[in-house]
Amino acid sequence: MTVLQRMHRGGIRIFSTMHKTLAELRMYARDENGIPVKGNDHFMDCMRYIVMSGLGLARSKAEEAVRRHPAPPVDYGPHSWMRL
């Protein structure tokens, strides 16, 4: 349900060029109790694992660049209005 909610809110996007992924998504089904029906659902399993346990590890390229090359500390000087 978390993955589905993220997809509806736009938190997960699947590009239109990912034909096999979209085909698998169209075949994905749940039974009358809401439990996913197993079979040809490798991508859906992978996406669920990432959402449930990997989002805390995911970083954008911009975040990674800042982590690798942090900005140097700023010295405002003794007479600056920015000085604490």
Protein backbone atom coordinates (compact mmCIF):
# COMPACT_ATOMS: atom_id res chain seq x y z
CA MET A 1 0.00 0.00 0.00
CA THR A 2 2.92 2.36 0.70
CA VAL A 3 4.25 1.89 -2.84
CA LEU A 4 0.79 2.43 -4.33
CA GLN A 5 0.28 5.61 -2.30
CA ARG A 6 3.66 6.95 -3.42
CA MET A 7 2.79 6.20 -7.03
CA HIS A 8 -0.53 8.04 -6.75
CA ARG A 9 1.15 11.08 -5.15
CA GLY A 10 3.92 11.15 -7.76
CA GLY A 11 6.64 10.03 -5.35
CA ILE A 12 7.49 7.14 -7.65
CA ARG A 13 7.62 7.65 -11.39
CA ILE A 14 8.09 5.06 -14.10
CA PHE A 15 9.29 6.36 -17.46
CA SER A 16 7.18 5.50 -20.51
CA THR A 17 10.26 3.94 -22.13
CA MET A 18 10.35 1.20 -19.47
CA HIS A 19 8.04 -1.08 -21.46
CA LYS A 20 8.73 -4.33 -19.58
CA THR A 21 8.27 -2.64 -16.23
CA LEU A 22 4.97 -1.11 -17.28
CA ALA A 23 3.78 -4.46 -18.67
CA GLU A 24 4.56 -6.12 -15.34
CA LEU A 25 2.78 -3.34 -13.48
CA ARG A 26 -0.33 -3.84 -15.62
CA MET A 27 -0.33 -7.59 -14.82
CA TYR A 28 0.15 -7.03 -11.07
CA ALA A 29 -2.91 -8.19 -9.15
CA ARG A 30 -4.18 -8.76 -5.63
CA ASP A 31 -6.61 -11.38 -4.38
CA GLU A 32 -9.90 -10.66 -2.58
CA ASN A 33 -8.01 -10.20 0.72
CA GLY A 34 -5.67 -7.60 -0.75
CA ILE A 35 -2.66 -9.93 -0.81
CA PRO A 36 -0.48 -9.69 -3.97
CA VAL A 37 -0.80 -12.67 -6.31
CA LYS A 38 2.69 -14.10 -6.89
CA GLY A 39 3.93 -14.53 -10.44
CA ASN A 40 5.91 -12.31 -12.81
CA ASP A 41 6.29 -9.62 -10.16
CA HIS A 42 10.06 -9.23 -9.83
CA PHE A 43 10.04 -5.49 -10.46
CA MET A 44 7.19 -4.92 -8.04
CA ASP A 45 9.07 -6.88 -5.35
CA CYS A 46 12.21 -4.85 -6.00
CA MET A 47 10.31 -1.55 -5.87
CA ARG A 48 8.64 -2.58 -2.61
CA TYR A 49 12.01 -3.48 -1.04
CA ILE A 50 13.49 -0.13 -2.07
CA VAL A 51 10.54 1.87 -0.73
CA MET A 52 10.35 -0.01 2.54
CA SER A 53 14.06 -0.21 3.38
CA GLY A 54 16.20 1.73 0.93
CA LEU A 55 14.82 5.26 0.81
CA GLY A 56 16.92 6.31 3.79
CA LEU A 57 20.02 5.37 1.80
CA ALA A 58 18.99 6.98 -1.49
CA ARG A 59 20.54 10.31 -2.45
CA SER A 60 20.20 12.57 -5.46
CA LYS A 61 23.26 13.55 -7.50
CA ALA A 62 23.14 17.03 -5.96
CA GLU A 63 23.11 15.64 -2.41
CA GLU A 64 25.98 13.32 -3.24
CA ALA A 65 28.03 16.19 -4.71
CA VAL A 66 27.54 18.28 -1.56
CA ARG A 67 28.52 15.32 0.60
CA ARG A 68 31.72 14.78 -1.40
CA HIS A 69 32.64 18.48 -1.67
CA PRO A 70 31.16 20.38 1.27
CA ALA A 71 31.30 24.16 1.21
CA PRO A 72 34.19 25.62 3.19
CA PRO A 73 33.30 27.33 6.47
CA VAL A 74 32.67 31.05 6.15
CA ASP A 75 34.61 33.47 8.32
CA TYR A 76 32.54 36.63 8.62
CA GLY A 77 35.20 38.55 10.55
CA PRO A 78 34.94 40.33 13.88
CA HIS A 79 32.97 43.36 12.54
CA SER A 80 30.40 41.57 10.40
CA TRP A 81 26.69 41.85 11.23
CA MET A 82 26.52 38.09 10.44
CA ARG A 83 28.90 37.21 13.24
CA LEU A 84 27.36 35.31 16.12
